[in-house]
Amino acid sequence: MADEEKIMLTIFLKHDQSQNIDQIQSKLAERAWWDRFPPEGCEVVSWTVAMGIGQIVTLRFPPHLLNKINIEIERSAWGVFTTEFFPTYDFVPVRERLKREWQAKRDDQRGDKS
């Protein structure tokens, strides 16, 4: 059986700046955040801290897990973070293809001027 198609989702977990880091970590621990999120079957593509904003998490997963991700955010993250969600995709292969096409076109144009 072929691998199931996967989608990517970038989540902004914006810190509630009315709470200090100890309060935030305490709430996350009470809710078992680190065990529950992300749900099993999700690959963490990246997890970045952006100072002054919070955490930016990009996940890759089968589409049927989207509801589980949403539930875990609602269950564990609300009250600690405000959240924003963005469907995303890996642009690197697209960029490489566009670059090759642009270089070939440029090389063809140079060849015409000879």
PDB file of N, CA and C in Angstrom:
ATOM      1  N   MET A   1       0.854  -1.192   0.000  1.00  0.00           N
ATOM      2  CA  MET A   1       0.000   0.000   0.000  1.00  0.00           C
ATOM      3  C   MET A   1       0.890   1.242   0.000  1.00  0.00           C
ATOM      4  N   ALA A   2       0.562   2.228  -0.821  1.00  0.00           N
ATOM      5  CA  ALA A   2       1.343   3.464  -0.908  1.00  0.00           C
ATOM      6  C   ALA A   2       1.204   4.271   0.374  1.00  0.00           C
ATOM      7  N   ASP A   3       2.223   5.057   0.634  1.00  0.00           N
ATOM      8  CA  ASP A   3       2.149   5.938   1.800  1.00  0.00           C
ATOM      9  C   ASP A   3       0.959   6.865   1.667  1.00  0.00           C
ATOM     10  N   GLU A   4       0.283   7.075   2.789  1.00  0.00           N
ATOM     11  CA  GLU A   4      -0.848   7.996   2.807  1.00  0.00           C
ATOM     12  C   GLU A   4      -0.337   9.410   2.570  1.00  0.00           C
ATOM     13  N   GLU A   5      -1.074  10.176   1.809  1.00  0.00           N
ATOM     14  CA  GLU A   5      -0.699  11.563   1.562  1.00  0.00           C
ATOM     15  C   GLU A   5      -0.687  12.314   2.888  1.00  0.00           C
ATOM     16  N   LYS A   6       0.246  13.233   3.015  1.00  0.00           N
ATOM     17  CA  LYS A   6       0.351  14.009   4.246  1.00  0.00           C
ATOM     18  C   LYS A   6       0.218  15.489   3.930  1.00  0.00           C
ATOM     19  N   ILE A   7      -0.260  16.217   4.908  1.00  0.00           N
ATOM     20  CA  ILE A   7      -0.372  17.667   4.809  1.00  0.00           C
ATOM     21  C   ILE A   7       0.516  18.277   5.881  1.00  0.00           C
ATOM     22  N   MET A   8       0.766  19.573   5.722  1.00  0.00           N
ATOM     23  CA  MET A   8       1.550  20.283   6.731  1.00  0.00           C
ATOM     24  C   MET A   8       0.715  21.429   7.287  1.00  0.00           C
ATOM     25  N   LEU A   9       0.965  21.718   8.556  1.00  0.00           N
ATOM     26  CA  LEU A   9       0.258  22.774   9.258  1.00  0.00           C
ATOM     27  C   LEU A   9       1.262  23.505  10.138  1.00  0.00           C
ATOM     28  N   THR A  10       1.281  24.823  10.010  1.00  0.00           N
ATOM     29  CA  THR A  10       2.121  25.643  10.881  1.00  0.00           C
ATOM     30  C   THR A  10       1.208  26.304  11.903  1.00  0.00           C
ATOM     31  N   ILE A  11       1.592  26.177  13.167  1.00  0.00           N
ATOM     32  CA  ILE A  11       0.788  26.699  14.272  1.00  0.00           C
ATOM     33  C   ILE A  11       1.608  27.743  15.010  1.00  0.00           C
ATOM     34  N   PHE A  12       1.057  28.932  15.155  1.00  0.00           N
ATOM     35  CA  PHE A  12       1.666  29.959  15.991  1.00  0.00           C
ATOM     36  C   PHE A  12       1.069  29.825  17.385  1.00  0.00           C
ATOM     37  N   LEU A  13       1.906  29.543  18.346  1.00  0.00           N
ATOM     38  CA  LEU A  13       1.500  29.479  19.751  1.00  0.00           C
ATOM     39  C   LEU A  13       2.015  30.755  20.398  1.00  0.00           C
ATOM     40  N   LYS A  14       1.180  31.770  20.439  1.00  0.00           N
ATOM     41  CA  LYS A  14       1.595  33.071  20.964  1.00  0.00           C
ATOM     42  C   LYS A  14       1.482  33.080  22.477  1.00  0.00           C
ATOM     43  N   HIS A  15       2.569  33.437  23.125  1.00  0.00           N
ATOM     44  CA  HIS A  15       2.590  33.448  24.583  1.00  0.00           C
ATOM     45  C   HIS A  15       1.573  34.423  25.150  1.00  0.00           C
ATOM     46  N   ASP A  16       0.929  34.013  26.224  1.00  0.00           N
ATOM     47  CA  ASP A  16       0.087  34.910  27.015  1.00  0.00           C
ATOM     48  C   ASP A  16       1.045  35.697  27.901  1.00  0.00           C
ATOM     49  N   GLN A  17       1.316  36.926  27.533  1.00  0.00           N
ATOM     50  CA  GLN A  17       2.341  37.705  28.224  1.00  0.00           C
ATOM     51  C   GLN A  17       1.892  38.224  29.587  1.00  0.00           C
ATOM     52  N   SER A  18       0.672  37.886  29.995  1.00  0.00           N
ATOM     53  CA  SER A  18       0.269  38.219  31.360  1.00  0.00           C
ATOM     54  C   SER A  18       0.787  37.172  32.342  1.00  0.00           C
ATOM     55  N   GLN A  19       1.375  36.088  31.802  1.00  0.00           N
ATOM     56  CA  GLN A  19       1.929  35.016  32.635  1.00  0.00           C
ATOM     57  C   GLN A  19       3.437  34.934  32.427  1.00  0.00           C
ATOM     58  N   ASN A  20       4.152  34.626  33.501  1.00  0.00           N
ATOM     59  CA  ASN A  20       5.596  34.431  33.349  1.00  0.00           C
ATOM     60  C   ASN A  20       5.870  32.976  32.956  1.00  0.00           C
ATOM     61  N   ILE A  21       7.128  32.690  32.667  1.00  0.00           N
ATOM     62  CA  ILE A  21       7.494  31.365  32.166  1.00  0.00           C
ATOM     63  C   ILE A  21       7.152  30.254  33.165  1.00  0.00           C
ATOM     64  N   ASP A  22       7.316  30.524  34.468  1.00  0.00           N
ATOM     65  CA  ASP A  22       6.980  29.506  35.464  1.00  0.00           C
ATOM     66  C   ASP A  22       5.489  29.189  35.457  1.00  0.00           C
ATOM     67  N   GLN A  23       4.656  30.202  35.309  1.00  0.00           N
ATOM     68  CA  GLN A  23       3.210  29.978  35.245  1.00  0.00           C
ATOM     69  C   GLN A  23       2.831  29.202  33.981  1.00  0.00           C
ATOM     70  N   ILE A  24       3.453  29.584  32.870  1.00  0.00           N
ATOM     71  CA  ILE A  24       3.175  28.905  31.604  1.00  0.00           C
ATOM     72  C   ILE A  24       3.567  27.440  31.696  1.00  0.00           C
ATOM     73  N   GLN A  25       4.783  27.172  32.152  1.00  0.00           N
ATOM     74  CA  GLN A  25       5.261  25.791  32.238  1.00  0.00           C
ATOM     75  C   GLN A  25       4.418  24.972  33.217  1.00  0.00           C
ATOM     76  N   SER A  26       3.986  25.599  34.291  1.00  0.00           N
ATOM     77  CA  SER A  26       3.149  24.897  35.269  1.00  0.00           C
ATOM     78  C   SER A  26       1.826  24.463  34.637  1.00  0.00           C
ATOM     79  N   LYS A  27       1.191  25.379  33.896  1.00  0.00           N
ATOM     80  CA  LYS A  27      -0.078  25.039  33.236  1.00  0.00           C
ATOM     81  C   LYS A  27       0.115  23.950  32.191  1.00  0.00           C
ATOM     82  N   LEU A  28       1.195  24.048  31.431  1.00  0.00           N
ATOM     83  CA  LEU A  28       1.449  23.018  30.426  1.00  0.00           C
ATOM     84  C   LEU A  28       1.674  21.666  31.081  1.00  0.00           C
ATOM     85  N   ALA A  29       2.382  21.650  32.204  1.00  0.00           N
ATOM     86  CA  ALA A  29       2.624  20.388  32.917  1.00  0.00           C
ATOM     87  C   ALA A  29       1.316  19.810  33.459  1.00  0.00           C
ATOM     88  N   GLU A  30       0.456  20.662  34.041  1.00  0.00           N
ATOM     89  CA  GLU A  30      -0.834  20.201  34.568  1.00  0.00           C
ATOM     90  C   GLU A  30      -1.675  19.537  33.485  1.00  0.00           C
ATOM     91  N   ARG A  31      -1.540  20.018  32.272  1.00  0.00           N
ATOM     92  CA  ARG A  31      -2.354  19.522  31.156  1.00  0.00           C
ATOM     93  C   ARG A  31      -1.651  18.425  30.357  1.00  0.00           C
ATOM     94  N   ALA A  32      -0.481  18.010  30.805  1.00  0.00           N
ATOM     95  CA  ALA A  32       0.309  16.973  30.123  1.00  0.00           C
ATOM     96  C   ALA A  32       0.606  17.352  28.668  1.00  0.00           C
ATOM     97  N   TRP A  33       0.818  18.630  28.438  1.00  0.00           N
ATOM     98  CA  TRP A  33       1.089  19.160  27.103  1.00  0.00           C
ATOM     99  C   TRP A  33       2.195  18.397  26.383  1.00  0.00           C
ATOM    100  N   TRP A  34       3.282  18.171  27.075  1.00  0.00           N
ATOM    101  CA  TRP A  34       4.448  17.575  26.413  1.00  0.00           C
ATOM    102  C   TRP A  34       4.215  16.112  26.057  1.00  0.00           C
ATOM    103  N   ASP A  35       3.262  15.458  26.706  1.00  0.00           N
ATOM    104  CA  ASP A  35       2.905  14.086  26.347  1.00  0.00           C
ATOM    105  C   ASP A  35       1.811  14.058  25.272  1.00  0.00           C
ATOM    106  N   ARG A  36       0.938  15.044  25.288  1.00  0.00           N
ATOM    107  CA  ARG A  36      -0.245  15.023  24.436  1.00  0.00           C
ATOM    108  C   ARG A  36      -0.032  15.670  23.072  1.00  0.00           C
ATOM    109  N   PHE A  37       0.900  16.596  23.000  1.00  0.00           N
ATOM    110  CA  PHE A  37       1.055  17.356  21.757  1.00  0.00           C
ATOM    111  C   PHE A  37       2.468  17.248  21.231  1.00  0.00           C
ATOM    112  N   PRO A  38       2.624  16.961  19.961  1.00  0.00           N
ATOM    113  CA  PRO A  38       1.558  16.661  19.010  1.00  0.00           C
ATOM    114  C   PRO A  38       1.074  15.229  19.172  1.00  0.00           C
ATOM    115  N   PRO A  39      -0.114  14.936  18.693  1.00  0.00           N
ATOM    116  CA  PRO A  39      -0.641  13.575  18.798  1.00  0.00           C
ATOM    117  C   PRO A  39       0.234  12.587  18.022  1.00  0.00           C
ATOM    118  N   GLU A  40       0.156  11.333  18.427  1.00  0.00           N
ATOM    119  CA  GLU A  40       0.901  10.284  17.739  1.00  0.00           C
ATOM    120  C   GLU A  40       0.513  10.255  16.269  1.00  0.00           C
ATOM    121  N   GLY A  41       1.493  10.067  15.425  1.00  0.00           N
ATOM    122  CA  GLY A  41       1.278  10.042  13.983  1.00  0.00           C
ATOM    123  C   GLY A  41       1.650  11.336  13.301  1.00  0.00           C
ATOM    124  N   CYS A  42       1.978  12.350  14.102  1.00  0.00           N
ATOM    125  CA  CYS A  42       2.410  13.635  13.561  1.00  0.00           C
ATOM    126  C   CYS A  42       3.929  13.713  13.610  1.00  0.00           C
ATOM    127  N   GLU A  43       4.505  14.228  12.555  1.00  0.00           N
ATOM    128  CA  GLU A  43       5.941  14.485  12.510  1.00  0.00           C
ATOM    129  C   GLU A  43       6.173  15.972  12.780  1.00  0.00           C
ATOM    130  N   VAL A  44       7.072  16.275  13.706  1.00  0.00           N
ATOM    131  CA  VAL A  44       7.453  17.666  13.943  1.00  0.00           C
ATOM    132  C   VAL A  44       8.499  18.032  12.890  1.00  0.00           C
ATOM    133  N   VAL A  45       8.123  18.918  11.983  1.00  0.00           N
ATOM    134  CA  VAL A  45       9.035  19.384  10.942  1.00  0.00           C
ATOM    135  C   VAL A  45       9.963  20.434  11.529  1.00  0.00           C
ATOM    136  N   SER A  46       9.394  21.330  12.319  1.00  0.00           N
ATOM    137  CA  SER A  46      10.197  22.342  13.015  1.00  0.00           C
ATOM    138  C   SER A  46       9.427  22.842  14.229  1.00  0.00           C
ATOM    139  N   TRP A  47      10.178  23.299  15.215  1.00  0.00           N
ATOM    140  CA  TRP A  47       9.579  23.876  16.425  1.00  0.00           C
ATOM    141  C   TRP A  47      10.531  24.987  16.855  1.00  0.00           C
ATOM    142  N   THR A  48      10.120  26.207  16.609  1.00  0.00           N
ATOM    143  CA  THR A  48      10.975  27.368  16.777  1.00  0.00           C
ATOM    144  C   THR A  48      10.400  28.311  17.825  1.00  0.00           C
ATOM    145  N   VAL A  49      11.276  28.928  18.584  1.00  0.00           N
ATOM    146  CA  VAL A  49      10.866  29.999  19.487  1.00  0.00           C
ATOM    147  C   VAL A  49      11.188  31.320  18.804  1.00  0.00           C
ATOM    148  N   ALA A  50      10.197  32.180  18.720  1.00  0.00           N
ATOM    149  CA  ALA A  50      10.377  33.528  18.190  1.00  0.00           C
ATOM    150  C   ALA A  50      10.178  34.483  19.364  1.00  0.00           C
ATOM    151  N   MET A  51      11.261  35.048  19.831  1.00  0.00           N
ATOM    152  CA  MET A  51      11.214  35.900  21.020  1.00  0.00           C
ATOM    153  C   MET A  51      10.203  37.025  20.808  1.00  0.00           C
ATOM    154  N   GLY A  52       9.376  37.261  21.819  1.00  0.00           N
ATOM    155  CA  GLY A  52       8.346  38.287  21.757  1.00  0.00           C
ATOM    156  C   GLY A  52       7.045  37.797  21.136  1.00  0.00           C
ATOM    157  N   ILE A  53       7.077  36.621  20.514  1.00  0.00           N
ATOM    158  CA  ILE A  53       5.874  36.057  19.893  1.00  0.00           C
ATOM    159  C   ILE A  53       5.466  34.785  20.615  1.00  0.00           C
ATOM    160  N   GLY A  54       6.356  33.816  20.615  1.00  0.00           N
ATOM    161  CA  GLY A  54       6.048  32.520  21.218  1.00  0.00           C
ATOM    162  C   GLY A  54       6.711  31.415  20.433  1.00  0.00           C
ATOM    163  N   GLN A  55       5.973  30.351  20.202  1.00  0.00           N
ATOM    164  CA  GLN A  55       6.510  29.182  19.513  1.00  0.00           C
ATOM    165  C   GLN A  55       5.801  28.999  18.174  1.00  0.00           C
ATOM    166  N   ILE A  56       6.576  28.560  17.192  1.00  0.00           N
ATOM    167  CA  ILE A  56       6.045  28.302  15.858  1.00  0.00           C
ATOM    168  C   ILE A  56       6.332  26.839  15.558  1.00  0.00           C
ATOM    169  N   VAL A  57       5.268  26.058  15.416  1.00  0.00           N
ATOM    170  CA  VAL A  57       5.384  24.617  15.228  1.00  0.00           C
ATOM    171  C   VAL A  57       4.858  24.263  13.840  1.00  0.00           C
ATOM    172  N   THR A  58       5.643  23.499  13.096  1.00  0.00           N
ATOM    173  CA  THR A  58       5.172  22.974  11.815  1.00  0.00           C
ATOM    174  C   THR A  58       5.130  21.459  11.913  1.00  0.00           C
ATOM    175  N   LEU A  59       3.957  20.916  11.607  1.00  0.00           N
ATOM    176  CA  LEU A  59       3.718  19.472  11.673  1.00  0.00           C
ATOM    177  C   LEU A  59       3.420  18.926  10.280  1.00  0.00           C
ATOM    178  N   ARG A  60       3.795  17.672  10.059  1.00  0.00           N
ATOM    179  CA  ARG A  60       3.417  16.929   8.849  1.00  0.00           C
ATOM    180  C   ARG A  60       2.642  15.708   9.335  1.00  0.00           C
ATOM    181  N   PHE A  61       1.480  15.448   8.716  1.00  0.00           N
ATOM    182  CA  PHE A  61       0.620  14.377   9.229  1.00  0.00           C
ATOM    183  C   PHE A  61      -0.419  13.983   8.186  1.00  0.00           C
ATOM    184  N   PRO A  62      -0.992  12.794   8.348  1.00  0.00           N
ATOM    185  CA  PRO A  62      -2.114  12.398   7.487  1.00  0.00           C
ATOM    186  C   PRO A  62      -3.330  13.291   7.790  1.00  0.00           C
ATOM    187  N   PRO A  63      -4.086  13.663   6.782  1.00  0.00           N
ATOM    188  CA  PRO A  63      -5.221  14.570   6.987  1.00  0.00           C
ATOM    189  C   PRO A  63      -6.201  14.128   8.075  1.00  0.00           C
ATOM    190  N   HIS A  64      -6.374  12.826   8.277  1.00  0.00           N
ATOM    191  CA  HIS A  64      -7.360  12.373   9.266  1.00  0.00           C
ATOM    192  C   HIS A  64      -6.970  12.747  10.700  1.00  0.00           C
ATOM    193  N   LEU A  65      -5.732  13.201  10.918  1.00  0.00           N
ATOM    194  CA  LEU A  65      -5.311  13.597  12.275  1.00  0.00           C
ATOM    195  C   LEU A  65      -5.598  15.070  12.582  1.00  0.00           C
ATOM    196  N   LEU A  66      -6.078  15.822  11.610  1.00  0.00           N
ATOM    197  CA  LEU A  66      -6.310  17.255  11.829  1.00  0.00           C
ATOM    198  C   LEU A  66      -7.224  17.515  13.020  1.00  0.00           C
ATOM    199  N   ASN A  67      -8.286  16.740  13.152  1.00  0.00           N
ATOM    200  CA  ASN A  67      -9.201  16.951  14.284  1.00  0.00           C
ATOM    201  C   ASN A  67      -8.518  16.656  15.618  1.00  0.00           C
ATOM    202  N   LYS A  68      -7.627  15.657  15.673  1.00  0.00           N
ATOM    203  CA  LYS A  68      -6.916  15.355  16.924  1.00  0.00           C
ATOM    204  C   LYS A  68      -5.973  16.484  17.301  1.00  0.00           C
ATOM    205  N   ILE A  69      -5.334  17.064  16.311  1.00  0.00           N
ATOM    206  CA  ILE A  69      -4.448  18.205  16.574  1.00  0.00           C
ATOM    207  C   ILE A  69      -5.264  19.349  17.154  1.00  0.00           C
ATOM    208  N   ASN A  70      -6.401  19.641  16.541  1.00  0.00           N
ATOM    209  CA  ASN A  70      -7.261  20.713  17.028  1.00  0.00           C
ATOM    210  C   ASN A  70      -7.722  20.455  18.460  1.00  0.00           C
ATOM    211  N   ILE A  71      -8.132  19.237  18.743  1.00  0.00           N
ATOM    212  CA  ILE A  71      -8.614  18.901  20.091  1.00  0.00           C
ATOM    213  C   ILE A  71      -7.498  19.074  21.124  1.00  0.00           C
ATOM    214  N   GLU A  72      -6.286  18.616  20.795  1.00  0.00           N
ATOM    215  CA  GLU A  72      -5.178  18.754  21.748  1.00  0.00           C
ATOM    216  C   GLU A  72      -4.806  20.214  21.976  1.00  0.00           C
ATOM    217  N   ILE A  73      -4.898  21.033  20.943  1.00  0.00           N
ATOM    218  CA  ILE A  73      -4.657  22.472  21.128  1.00  0.00           C
ATOM    219  C   ILE A  73      -5.721  23.043  22.061  1.00  0.00           C
ATOM    220  N   GLU A  74      -6.972  22.728  21.811  1.00  0.00           N
ATOM    221  CA  GLU A  74      -8.055  23.231  22.657  1.00  0.00           C
ATOM    222  C   GLU A  74      -7.922  22.729  24.090  1.00  0.00           C
ATOM    223  N   ARG A  75      -7.561  21.490  24.263  1.00  0.00           N
ATOM    224  CA  ARG A  75      -7.471  20.861  25.580  1.00  0.00           C
ATOM    225  C   ARG A  75      -6.255  21.371  26.366  1.00  0.00           C
ATOM    226  N   SER A  76      -5.142  21.529  25.698  1.00  0.00           N
ATOM    227  CA  SER A  76      -3.894  21.745  26.416  1.00  0.00           C
ATOM    228  C   SER A  76      -3.281  23.134  26.273  1.00  0.00           C
ATOM    229  N   ALA A  77      -3.536  23.811  25.167  1.00  0.00           N
ATOM    230  CA  ALA A  77      -2.829  25.067  24.906  1.00  0.00           C
ATOM    231  C   ALA A  77      -3.635  26.316  25.253  1.00  0.00           C
ATOM    232  N   TRP A  78      -4.958  26.217  25.151  1.00  0.00           N
ATOM    233  CA  TRP A  78      -5.762  27.408  25.413  1.00  0.00           C
ATOM    234  C   TRP A  78      -5.577  27.841  26.858  1.00  0.00           C
ATOM    235  N   GLY A  79      -5.475  29.154  27.053  1.00  0.00           N
ATOM    236  CA  GLY A  79      -5.218  29.696  28.381  1.00  0.00           C
ATOM    237  C   GLY A  79      -3.732  29.890  28.638  1.00  0.00           C
ATOM    238  N   VAL A  80      -2.907  29.310  27.793  1.00  0.00           N
ATOM    239  CA  VAL A  80      -1.460  29.496  27.860  1.00  0.00           C
ATOM    240  C   VAL A  80      -1.003  30.246  26.615  1.00  0.00           C
ATOM    241  N   PHE A  81      -1.558  29.851  25.481  1.00  0.00           N
ATOM    242  CA  PHE A  81      -1.217  30.462  24.202  1.00  0.00           C
ATOM    243  C   PHE A  81      -2.496  30.924  23.508  1.00  0.00           C
ATOM    244  N   THR A  82      -2.376  31.937  22.673  1.00  0.00           N
ATOM    245  CA  THR A  82      -3.376  32.162  21.643  1.00  0.00           C
ATOM    246  C   THR A  82      -2.811  31.485  20.402  1.00  0.00           C
ATOM    247  N   THR A  83      -3.671  31.030  19.522  1.00  0.00           N
ATOM    248  CA  THR A  83      -3.201  30.203  18.418  1.00  0.00           C
ATOM    249  C   THR A  83      -3.647  30.748  17.071  1.00  0.00           C
ATOM    250  N   GLU A  84      -2.808  30.509  16.093  1.00  0.00           N
ATOM    251  CA  GLU A  84      -3.138  30.772  14.690  1.00  0.00           C
ATOM    252  C   GLU A  84      -2.642  29.579  13.898  1.00  0.00           C
ATOM    253  N   PHE A  85      -3.393  29.199  12.859  1.00  0.00           N
ATOM    254  CA  PHE A  85      -3.071  28.018  12.065  1.00  0.00           C
ATOM    255  C   PHE A  85      -2.928  28.403  10.599  1.00  0.00           C
ATOM    256  N   PHE A  86      -1.918  27.822   9.951  1.00  0.00           N
ATOM    257  CA  PHE A  86      -1.655  28.103   8.551  1.00  0.00           C
ATOM    258  C   PHE A  86      -1.304  26.816   7.813  1.00  0.00           C
ATOM    259  N   PRO A  87      -2.127  26.409   6.824  1.00  0.00           N
ATOM    260  CA  PRO A  87      -1.711  25.279   5.990  1.00  0.00           C
ATOM    261  C   PRO A  87      -0.423  25.689   5.276  1.00  0.00           C
ATOM    262  N   THR A  88       0.538  24.775   5.213  1.00  0.00           N
ATOM    263  CA  THR A  88       1.831  25.107   4.632  1.00  0.00           C
ATOM    264  C   THR A  88       2.306  23.971   3.736  1.00  0.00           C
ATOM    265  N   TYR A  89       3.353  24.251   2.976  1.00  0.00           N
ATOM    266  CA  TYR A  89       3.986  23.207   2.181  1.00  0.00           C
ATOM    267  C   TYR A  89       5.459  23.528   2.044  1.00  0.00           C
ATOM    268  N   ASP A  90       6.217  22.491   1.691  1.00  0.00           N
ATOM    269  CA  ASP A  90       7.657  22.616   1.542  1.00  0.00           C
ATOM    270  C   ASP A  90       7.947  23.264   0.194  1.00  0.00           C
ATOM    271  N   PHE A  91       8.480  24.474   0.203  1.00  0.00           N
ATOM    272  CA  PHE A  91       8.746  25.230  -1.015  1.00  0.00           C
ATOM    273  C   PHE A  91      10.109  24.917  -1.626  1.00  0.00           C
ATOM    274  N   VAL A  92      10.994  24.247  -0.881  1.00  0.00           N
ATOM    275  CA  VAL A  92      12.349  24.002  -1.373  1.00  0.00           C
ATOM    276  C   VAL A  92      12.344  23.290  -2.730  1.00  0.00           C
ATOM    277  N   PRO A  93      11.613  22.186  -2.915  1.00  0.00           N
ATOM    278  CA  PRO A  93      11.632  21.549  -4.236  1.00  0.00           C
ATOM    279  C   PRO A  93      11.093  22.469  -5.342  1.00  0.00           C
ATOM    280  N   VAL A  94      10.089  23.257  -5.029  1.00  0.00           N
ATOM    281  CA  VAL A  94       9.523  24.191  -6.008  1.00  0.00           C
ATOM    282  C   VAL A  94      10.562  25.258  -6.355  1.00  0.00           C
ATOM    283  N   ARG A  95      11.223  25.786  -5.352  1.00  0.00           N
ATOM    284  CA  ARG A  95      12.252  26.795  -5.574  1.00  0.00           C
ATOM    285  C   ARG A  95      13.370  26.250  -6.461  1.00  0.00           C
ATOM    286  N   GLU A  96      13.799  25.027  -6.183  1.00  0.00           N
ATOM    287  CA  GLU A  96      14.878  24.427  -6.970  1.00  0.00           C
ATOM    288  C   GLU A  96      14.451  24.249  -8.425  1.00  0.00           C
ATOM    289  N   ARG A  97      13.212  23.814  -8.654  1.00  0.00           N
ATOM    290  CA  ARG A  97      12.707  23.672 -10.025  1.00  0.00           C
ATOM    291  C   ARG A  97      12.645  25.015 -10.726  1.00  0.00           C
ATOM    292  N   LEU A  98      12.116  26.037 -10.051  1.00  0.00           N
ATOM    293  CA  LEU A  98      12.022  27.371 -10.646  1.00  0.00           C
ATOM    294  C   LEU A  98      13.403  27.936 -10.961  1.00  0.00           C
ATOM    295  N   LYS A  99      14.354  27.689 -10.091  1.00  0.00           N
ATOM    296  CA  LYS A  99      15.713  28.165 -10.315  1.00  0.00           C
ATOM    297  C   LYS A  99      16.320  27.499 -11.554  1.00  0.00           C
ATOM    298  N   ARG A 100      16.146  26.170 -11.677  1.00  0.00           N
ATOM    299  CA  ARG A 100      16.656  25.457 -12.855  1.00  0.00           C
ATOM    300  C   ARG A 100      16.013  25.986 -14.131  1.00  0.00           C
ATOM    301  N   GLU A 101      14.702  26.190 -14.086  1.00  0.00           N
ATOM    302  CA  GLU A 101      13.994  26.695 -15.267  1.00  0.00           C
ATOM    303  C   GLU A 101      14.475  28.093 -15.628  1.00  0.00           C
ATOM    304  N   TRP A 102      14.662  28.940 -14.632  1.00  0.00           N
ATOM    305  CA  TRP A 102      15.126  30.299 -14.882  1.00  0.00           C
ATOM    306  C   TRP A 102      16.538  30.283 -15.470  1.00  0.00           C
ATOM    307  N   GLN A 103      17.409  29.436 -14.919  1.00  0.00           N
ATOM    308  CA  GLN A 103      18.781  29.357 -15.425  1.00  0.00           C
ATOM    309  C   GLN A 103      18.804  28.830 -16.862  1.00  0.00           C
ATOM    310  N   ALA A 104      17.979  27.836 -17.171  1.00  0.00           N
ATOM    311  CA  ALA A 104      17.915  27.307 -18.531  1.00  0.00           C
ATOM    312  C   ALA A 104      17.431  28.379 -19.503  1.00  0.00           C
ATOM    313  N   LYS A 105      16.414  29.118 -19.096  1.00  0.00           N
ATOM    314  CA  LYS A 105      15.893  30.195 -19.944  1.00  0.00           C
ATOM    315  C   LYS A 105      16.960  31.261 -20.156  1.00  0.00           C
ATOM    316  N   ARG A 106      17.660  31.628 -19.111  1.00  0.00           N
ATOM    317  CA  ARG A 106      18.732  32.628 -19.197  1.00  0.00           C
ATOM    318  C   ARG A 106      19.838  32.135 -20.130  1.00  0.00           C
ATOM    319  N   ASP A 107      20.219  30.852 -19.982  1.00  0.00           N
ATOM    320  CA  ASP A 107      21.269  30.288 -20.824  1.00  0.00           C
ATOM    321  C   ASP A 107      20.828  30.256 -22.288  1.00  0.00           C
ATOM    322  N   ASP A 108      19.547  29.919 -22.537  1.00  0.00           N
ATOM    323  CA  ASP A 108      19.023  29.921 -23.906  1.00  0.00           C
ATOM    324  C   ASP A 108      19.072  31.328 -24.494  1.00  0.00           C
ATOM    325  N   GLN A 109      18.705  32.330 -23.712  1.00  0.00           N
ATOM    326  CA  GLN A 109      18.715  33.711 -24.198  1.00  0.00           C
ATOM    327  C   GLN A 109      20.131  34.166 -24.511  1.00  0.00           C
ATOM    328  N   ARG A 110      21.093  33.767 -23.728  1.00  0.00           N
ATOM    329  CA  ARG A 110      22.496  34.104 -23.985  1.00  0.00           C
ATOM    330  C   ARG A 110      22.965  33.436 -25.269  1.00  0.00           C
ATOM    331  N   GLY A 111      22.483  32.202 -25.481  1.00  0.00           N
ATOM    332  CA  GLY A 111      22.863  31.472 -26.690  1.00  0.00           C
ATOM    333  C   GLY A 111      22.341  32.141 -27.943  1.00  0.00           C
ATOM    334  N   ASP A 112      21.157  32.756 -27.856  1.00  0.00           N
ATOM    335  CA  ASP A 112      20.561  33.445 -29.009  1.00  0.00           C
ATOM    336  C   ASP A 112      21.346  34.678 -29.403  1.00  0.00           C
ATOM    337  N   LYS A 113      22.069  35.284 -28.482  1.00  0.00           N
ATOM    338  CA  LYS A 113      22.794  36.525 -28.741  1.00  0.00           C
ATOM    339  C   LYS A 113      24.175  36.268 -29.336  1.00  0.00           C
ATOM    340  N   SER A 114      24.603  35.030 -29.453  1.00  0.00           N
ATOM    341  CA  SER A 114      25.931  34.725 -29.976  1.00  0.00           C
ATOM    342  C   SER A 114      25.991  34.870 -31.463  1.00  0.00           C
TER     343      SER A 114
END
